[in-house]
Structures are given as C-alpha cells and as structure tokens.
C-alpha cells in the first residue's frame, strides 16, 4: 500500500527538466517533496521530466515510479534492433524516421503501465513539452494520448525518431522548452513554480573542445537565455520561478540498478531540502 501524498498546495506548480537520463533523479526529487509535506497542484515536464511526471500524474507514487524505472524492461526499452546500423534511416519504410530508434519499445512499455490514458484525464493536471515540427513551434500539450506524447517529448534528436501524434510530427520537448512553465502565465491560482533541473554543464578546456561538446554547450546557452526570458515574463505577471538544481554526475548510456538508486537518493535529499525551504518561507510569510 502506497503512502498517501500530501495535500497539494494550490498555489504551487512543479516543472521537471529534460536532463539526459534524469528519470531517477526526478523521481527522487518528487519523493523528497512528498516526504517533506510539499506537493504541487500541477506538474509539467520535458523529455525525462515528461516521463517521470507523466507516471506520477497518472496516479503512481514516486516510490512506485522508481520500481518501474529499475525494471529491466524499462532500462532496455529505448534500445531497438537495428539501432547500431541506423536501420530506421534506410529507405525501406513507408514513412521516414529522424532517429536510430523508432520508439516502438518504449511506447509499448508505457502503454503497459498507462494504457490509453489521455493527458486531460490524469489524476494531477499535467503538461508535456514537445517540439512540433509540423507547426514549427514549441508547445506544452495538455490534451492528447499520454503515452504517445511522453515518447515524443523523449525523442532525443537523431537517437529517437520524432513521433507522429494526432497528425503532427513531434520531437524532443527539451529543444526549446526545458523546463516548461510559461503555460502557467495566466493561471489565476498558481503563483510559484519550482523548476527542478539536473546536473551542471561540463566545460572542457578550450583546446579540448570537440564537436559534441560545442553542440551541447550551445544548447545549454540557448536554453538558459530562453529560461531567463520566460522567467522574466512570469515575474511581470506577479509569479515566481525558483530553479532547484540537483548536481549529479552525467549518467552512463546504460544505467545499472545501483546507479538508479543512487540518482534517486540524490534527488530525494534535494527534494527534502526544498520542502523545508518552502515550509520555512510560508511560515515567514505568515509571521
């Protein structure tokens, strides 16, 4: 029997960023918040944050999510036959693919645990960041098939192909909306957003800067600029966005059960600290 979650703070929202394989740390952060008696009224996520947030929004506790994430089925779900040779890129399919993996296995895994649940029917209001290639814009989806939209948000460029969802080609939510929160700009009840981000930028010496380093850092720079612009817009509307960073090491491509538990605990400890900070701030505000 799962422990009951705290009563949601109607003024608080939580957004989870698109950290590379950050599933376990995000789940741990949610567990820490729950243990600390701090729970959001709404959640949003991009990529890894979309997957973890979606499982929680569907009614799973953070501990239950950890059990799912530690399963062998999940830890191998992003790998598909033919990935090494880029089979989906070959001109042998009716549709074209933009990644070495089609995303079929992770979608099947999510379907086993979420069924045909739709985003608008989740237990906790939830938003998923995607890059809509068909409409040439970034979006936060609040309606649509939950499992399919999670896979689309997790579709890391060139690794996992864009997903066709309700007629649109949708790609990685972390491209332009990591973490997503601007959709709460006009909410009459949500006034404070916790933005959980994972890891820190790895900056090699200038003479050791490779192509992958340069692209990763360029994405970080663009993401930071967009984050600050959106945070400023929220501030102008009288809302605060508080970034909370869990500085973990970069995960390996295949995460062991032991590593998954370590990442979960790092997130949990930060969640506990954040819950205490939120509680102290409320106490001070009412003093």
Protein backbone atom coordinates (compact mmCIF):
# COMPACT_ATOMS: atom_id res chain seq x y z
CA UNK A 1 0.00 0.00 0.00
CA UNK A 2 1.47 3.34 -1.03
CA UNK A 3 1.87 6.20 1.45
CA UNK A 4 -0.71 8.93 0.82
CA UNK A 5 0.63 12.01 -0.91
CA UNK A 6 0.41 15.39 0.85
CA UNK A 7 -2.48 17.73 0.17
CA UNK A 8 -1.46 19.81 -2.87
CA UNK A 9 -0.51 23.45 -2.39
CA UNK A 10 -2.97 25.15 -4.74
CA UNK A 11 -0.52 27.99 -5.45
CA UNK A 12 2.45 25.72 -6.29
CA UNK A 13 3.45 24.15 -9.61
CA UNK A 14 6.40 21.87 -10.38
CA UNK A 15 8.27 21.55 -13.66
CA UNK A 16 10.89 18.90 -14.47
CA UNK A 17 13.65 19.50 -17.00
CA UNK A 18 14.93 17.34 -19.84
CA UNK A 19 18.13 16.11 -18.18
CA UNK A 20 19.89 13.27 -20.02
CA UNK A 21 18.54 10.04 -18.48
CA UNK A 22 17.43 12.07 -15.46
CA UNK A 23 14.46 9.80 -14.72
CA UNK A 24 15.72 8.53 -11.36
CA UNK A 25 16.78 11.92 -10.00
CA UNK A 26 13.44 13.48 -10.91
CA UNK A 27 11.58 10.61 -9.22
CA UNK A 28 13.74 11.03 -6.11
CA UNK A 29 13.07 14.77 -6.02
CA UNK A 30 9.32 14.10 -6.07
CA UNK A 31 9.76 11.56 -3.27
CA UNK A 32 11.62 14.14 -1.17
CA UNK A 33 8.90 16.71 -1.71
CA UNK A 34 6.25 14.17 -0.68
CA UNK A 35 8.14 13.16 2.47
CA UNK A 36 8.60 16.83 3.33
CA UNK A 37 4.88 17.55 3.02
CA UNK A 38 5.23 19.74 -0.06
CA UNK A 39 3.17 18.75 -3.11
CA UNK A 40 2.30 20.73 -6.25
CA UNK A 41 -1.15 21.34 -7.64
CA UNK A 42 0.13 20.89 -11.21
CA UNK A 43 3.18 19.31 -12.86
CA UNK A 44 4.86 19.74 -16.24
CA UNK A 45 7.88 18.09 -17.81
CA UNK A 46 10.15 17.80 -20.82
CA UNK A 47 11.79 14.57 -22.00
CA UNK A 48 12.91 12.66 -18.86
CA UNK A 49 10.76 15.04 -16.84
CA UNK A 50 7.78 14.24 -19.05
CA UNK A 51 8.16 10.51 -18.47
CA UNK A 52 8.50 10.72 -14.70
CA UNK A 53 5.91 13.45 -14.34
CA UNK A 54 3.50 11.52 -16.53
CA UNK A 55 3.78 8.37 -14.43
CA UNK A 56 3.17 10.36 -11.23
CA UNK A 57 0.34 12.39 -12.76
CA UNK A 58 -1.29 9.10 -13.77
CA UNK A 59 -1.55 8.11 -10.10
CA UNK A 60 1.74 6.39 -9.24
CA UNK A 61 3.69 7.39 -6.13
CA UNK A 62 7.36 8.37 -6.63
CA UNK A 63 8.41 5.07 -4.98
CA UNK A 64 6.23 3.13 -7.39
CA UNK A 65 7.79 5.07 -10.26
CA UNK A 66 11.26 4.10 -9.00
CA UNK A 67 10.27 0.42 -9.04
CA UNK A 68 9.12 0.79 -12.64
CA UNK A 69 12.30 2.62 -13.64
CA UNK A 70 14.55 -0.02 -12.07
CA UNK A 71 12.93 -2.84 -14.03
CA UNK A 72 14.97 -4.49 -16.76
CA UNK A 73 12.12 -3.85 -19.19
CA UNK A 74 12.41 -0.08 -18.72
CA UNK A 75 16.20 0.08 -18.65
CA UNK A 76 16.33 -1.59 -22.06
CA UNK A 77 13.17 -0.02 -23.53
CA UNK A 78 14.96 2.70 -25.52
CA UNK A 79 17.11 0.17 -27.39
CA UNK A 80 15.82 -1.45 -30.57
CA UNK A 81 17.12 -3.94 -33.08
CA UNK A 82 18.87 -2.15 -35.92
CA UNK A 83 19.87 0.93 -33.91
CA UNK A 84 23.61 0.36 -34.33
CA UNK A 85 23.34 0.35 -38.13
CA UNK A 86 20.73 3.10 -38.20
CA UNK A 87 18.08 0.82 -39.71
CA UNK A 88 15.22 3.37 -39.42
CA UNK A 89 17.19 5.72 -41.69
CA UNK A 90 17.19 3.19 -44.54
CA UNK A 91 14.73 3.94 -47.39
CA UNK A 92 12.70 0.78 -46.81
CA UNK A 93 9.74 2.18 -44.86
CA UNK A 94 6.56 3.94 -45.92
CA UNK A 95 7.28 6.81 -43.52
CA UNK A 96 10.61 8.49 -42.84
CA UNK A 97 12.36 8.43 -39.48
CA UNK A 98 14.63 11.00 -37.85
CA UNK A 99 16.28 8.77 -35.26
CA UNK A 100 18.14 5.48 -34.96
CA UNK A 101 15.29 4.13 -32.83
CA UNK A 102 11.63 4.29 -33.88
CA UNK A 103 10.45 4.46 -30.26
CA UNK A 104 8.22 1.39 -30.53
CA UNK A 105 9.62 -0.43 -27.48
CA UNK A 106 9.41 2.50 -25.06
CA UNK A 107 5.89 3.23 -26.31
CA UNK A 108 4.88 -0.40 -25.69
CA UNK A 109 6.35 -0.20 -22.17
CA UNK A 110 4.42 2.98 -21.39
CA UNK A 111 1.22 1.50 -22.83
CA UNK A 112 1.53 -1.45 -20.44
CA UNK A 113 1.55 0.91 -17.47
CA UNK A 114 -0.61 3.79 -18.70
CA UNK A 115 -2.97 2.09 -21.12
CA UNK A 116 -4.87 4.58 -23.27
CA UNK A 117 -4.99 7.27 -20.58
CA UNK A 118 -5.24 10.76 -22.02
CA UNK A 119 -3.37 13.79 -20.79
CA UNK A 120 -6.56 15.66 -19.88
CA UNK A 121 -7.70 12.76 -17.66
CA UNK A 122 -4.66 12.39 -15.37
CA UNK A 123 -5.10 12.46 -11.58
CA UNK A 124 -2.83 15.52 -11.36
CA UNK A 125 -3.04 18.24 -14.04
CA UNK A 126 -0.02 17.69 -16.26
CA UNK A 127 1.65 19.37 -19.24
CA UNK A 128 4.16 17.85 -21.67
CA UNK A 129 6.67 19.92 -23.63
CA UNK A 130 7.16 18.94 -27.28
CA UNK A 131 8.72 20.47 -30.37
CA UNK A 132 6.01 20.50 -33.03
CA UNK A 133 7.91 20.15 -36.31
CA UNK A 134 4.71 20.23 -38.36
CA UNK A 135 3.65 23.60 -36.94
CA UNK A 136 7.23 24.91 -36.46
CA UNK A 137 6.84 25.82 -32.80
CA UNK A 138 7.40 24.63 -29.25
CA UNK A 139 4.27 23.59 -27.36
CA UNK A 140 3.10 22.41 -23.96
CA UNK A 141 0.49 19.74 -24.60
CA UNK A 142 -2.36 19.48 -22.10
CA UNK A 143 -4.58 17.20 -24.14
CA UNK A 144 -3.88 14.06 -26.15
CA UNK A 145 -2.70 10.45 -25.71
CA UNK A 146 -0.39 10.39 -22.68
CA UNK A 147 1.97 7.55 -23.64
CA UNK A 148 2.47 8.79 -27.20
CA UNK A 149 3.17 12.35 -26.07
CA UNK A 150 5.70 11.17 -23.49
CA UNK A 151 7.64 9.28 -26.17
CA UNK A 152 7.55 12.34 -28.41
CA UNK A 153 8.92 14.53 -25.62
CA UNK A 154 11.71 11.98 -25.02
CA UNK A 155 12.64 11.80 -28.72
CA UNK A 156 16.27 12.92 -28.44
CA UNK A 157 17.37 14.20 -31.88
CA UNK A 158 18.95 11.56 -34.16
CA UNK A 159 18.68 8.91 -31.40
CA UNK A 160 14.89 8.54 -31.10
CA UNK A 161 12.75 9.44 -34.11
CA UNK A 162 10.07 12.11 -34.00
CA UNK A 163 6.63 10.69 -33.25
CA UNK A 164 3.52 11.27 -35.32
CA UNK A 165 0.79 12.10 -32.80
CA UNK A 166 -2.67 13.10 -33.99
CA UNK A 167 -1.23 14.04 -37.38
CA UNK A 168 1.69 16.19 -36.21
CA UNK A 169 5.41 15.35 -36.17
CA UNK A 170 6.53 15.89 -32.56
CA UNK A 171 10.11 15.83 -31.30
CA UNK A 172 12.13 16.32 -28.11
CA UNK A 173 10.47 18.67 -25.63
CA UNK A 174 13.86 19.76 -24.33
CA UNK A 175 14.84 21.50 -27.56
CA UNK A 176 13.16 24.80 -26.69
CA UNK A 177 11.09 24.24 -23.51
CA UNK A 178 13.29 22.85 -20.76
CA UNK A 179 11.79 23.08 -18.28
CA UNK A 180 8.28 24.12 -19.38
CA UNK A 181 6.38 26.65 -17.26
CA UNK A 182 5.25 29.54 -19.46
CA UNK A 183 1.83 27.87 -19.95
CA UNK A 184 1.07 28.83 -16.32
CA UNK A 185 1.49 32.53 -17.09
CA UNK A 186 -2.23 33.27 -16.95
CA UNK A 187 -3.20 30.76 -14.25
CA UNK A 188 -5.35 32.51 -11.62
CA UNK A 189 -4.26 30.14 -8.83
CA UNK A 190 -0.63 29.15 -9.50
CA UNK A 191 1.82 31.78 -8.25
CA UNK A 192 5.07 29.92 -7.52
CA UNK A 193 6.87 27.43 -9.77
CA UNK A 194 9.59 25.05 -8.65
CA UNK A 195 11.81 24.17 -11.62
CA UNK A 196 13.81 21.01 -10.92
CA UNK A 197 16.92 20.80 -13.07
CA UNK A 198 19.59 18.10 -13.03
CA UNK A 199 23.36 18.25 -13.49
CA UNK A 200 25.68 21.06 -14.45
CA UNK A 201 27.28 21.99 -17.76
CA UNK A 202 30.56 20.17 -18.41
CA UNK A 203 33.03 22.65 -19.93
CA UNK A 204 36.28 21.10 -21.24
CA UNK A 205 39.41 23.23 -21.77
CA UNK A 206 39.26 25.33 -24.95
CA UNK A 207 41.89 23.20 -26.71
CA UNK A 208 39.96 20.01 -25.90
CA UNK A 209 36.55 21.25 -27.08
CA UNK A 210 35.10 18.72 -29.53
CA UNK A 211 32.07 18.86 -31.80
CA UNK A 212 29.73 17.17 -29.31
CA UNK A 213 30.96 19.46 -26.52
CA UNK A 214 30.35 22.56 -28.63
CA UNK A 215 26.84 21.50 -29.62
CA UNK A 216 25.91 20.52 -26.04
CA UNK A 217 27.16 23.81 -24.60
CA UNK A 218 25.48 25.81 -27.36
CA UNK A 219 22.19 24.13 -26.48
CA UNK A 220 22.78 24.94 -22.79
CA UNK A 221 23.38 28.60 -23.65
CA UNK A 222 20.24 28.84 -25.77
CA UNK A 223 18.23 27.07 -23.08
CA UNK A 224 19.50 29.42 -20.39
CA UNK A 225 18.60 32.50 -22.42
CA UNK A 226 15.08 31.17 -23.08
CA UNK A 227 14.65 30.22 -19.42
CA UNK A 228 15.54 33.72 -18.23
CA UNK A 229 13.28 35.41 -20.79
CA UNK A 230 10.35 33.26 -19.72
CA UNK A 231 11.11 33.73 -16.03
CA UNK A 232 11.12 37.49 -16.55
CA UNK A 233 7.75 37.26 -18.27
CA UNK A 234 6.38 35.29 -15.32
CA UNK A 235 7.76 37.89 -12.91
CA UNK A 236 5.97 40.64 -14.80
CA UNK A 237 2.75 38.69 -14.18
CA UNK A 238 3.49 38.53 -10.45
CA UNK A 239 4.67 34.91 -10.46
CA UNK A 240 7.98 33.48 -9.23
CA UNK A 241 10.03 30.69 -10.80
CA UNK A 242 12.54 29.10 -8.43
CA UNK A 243 15.17 26.88 -10.02
CA UNK A 244 16.33 23.96 -7.87
CA UNK A 245 19.37 22.07 -9.19
CA UNK A 246 20.41 18.54 -8.24
CA UNK A 247 24.08 18.41 -9.36
CA UNK A 248 24.58 14.76 -10.30
CA UNK A 249 27.28 13.22 -12.46
CA UNK A 250 26.36 12.52 -16.09
CA UNK A 251 24.74 9.06 -16.31
CA UNK A 252 26.21 6.34 -18.48
CA UNK A 253 24.19 5.26 -21.50
CA UNK A 254 23.04 2.14 -19.63
CA UNK A 255 22.03 2.78 -16.02
CA UNK A 256 22.51 -0.06 -13.55
CA UNK A 257 20.04 -0.67 -10.73
CA UNK A 258 22.63 0.54 -8.21
CA UNK A 259 23.24 3.77 -10.12
CA UNK A 260 19.49 4.32 -10.47
CA UNK A 261 19.05 4.09 -6.69
CA UNK A 262 21.96 6.50 -6.14
CA UNK A 263 20.45 9.06 -8.51
CA UNK A 264 17.06 8.63 -6.81
CA UNK A 265 18.58 9.27 -3.38
CA UNK A 266 20.39 12.40 -4.61
CA UNK A 267 17.10 13.76 -5.90
CA UNK A 268 15.29 12.72 -2.71
CA UNK A 269 17.72 14.60 -0.46
CA UNK A 270 17.33 17.73 -2.58
CA UNK A 271 13.56 17.33 -2.51
CA UNK A 272 13.62 17.16 1.29
CA UNK A 273 15.74 20.32 1.47
CA UNK A 274 13.42 22.08 -0.95
CA UNK A 275 10.33 21.06 1.03
CA UNK A 276 11.88 22.52 4.20
CA UNK A 277 12.73 25.74 2.36
CA UNK A 278 9.17 26.06 1.06
CA UNK A 279 7.73 25.39 4.51
CA UNK A 280 10.03 27.96 6.15
CA UNK A 281 9.15 30.55 3.51
CA UNK A 282 5.43 30.08 4.15
CA UNK A 283 5.95 30.33 7.90
CA UNK A 284 7.91 33.57 7.48
CA UNK A 285 5.27 35.00 5.15
CA UNK A 286 2.54 34.42 7.74
CA UNK A 287 4.58 35.60 10.74
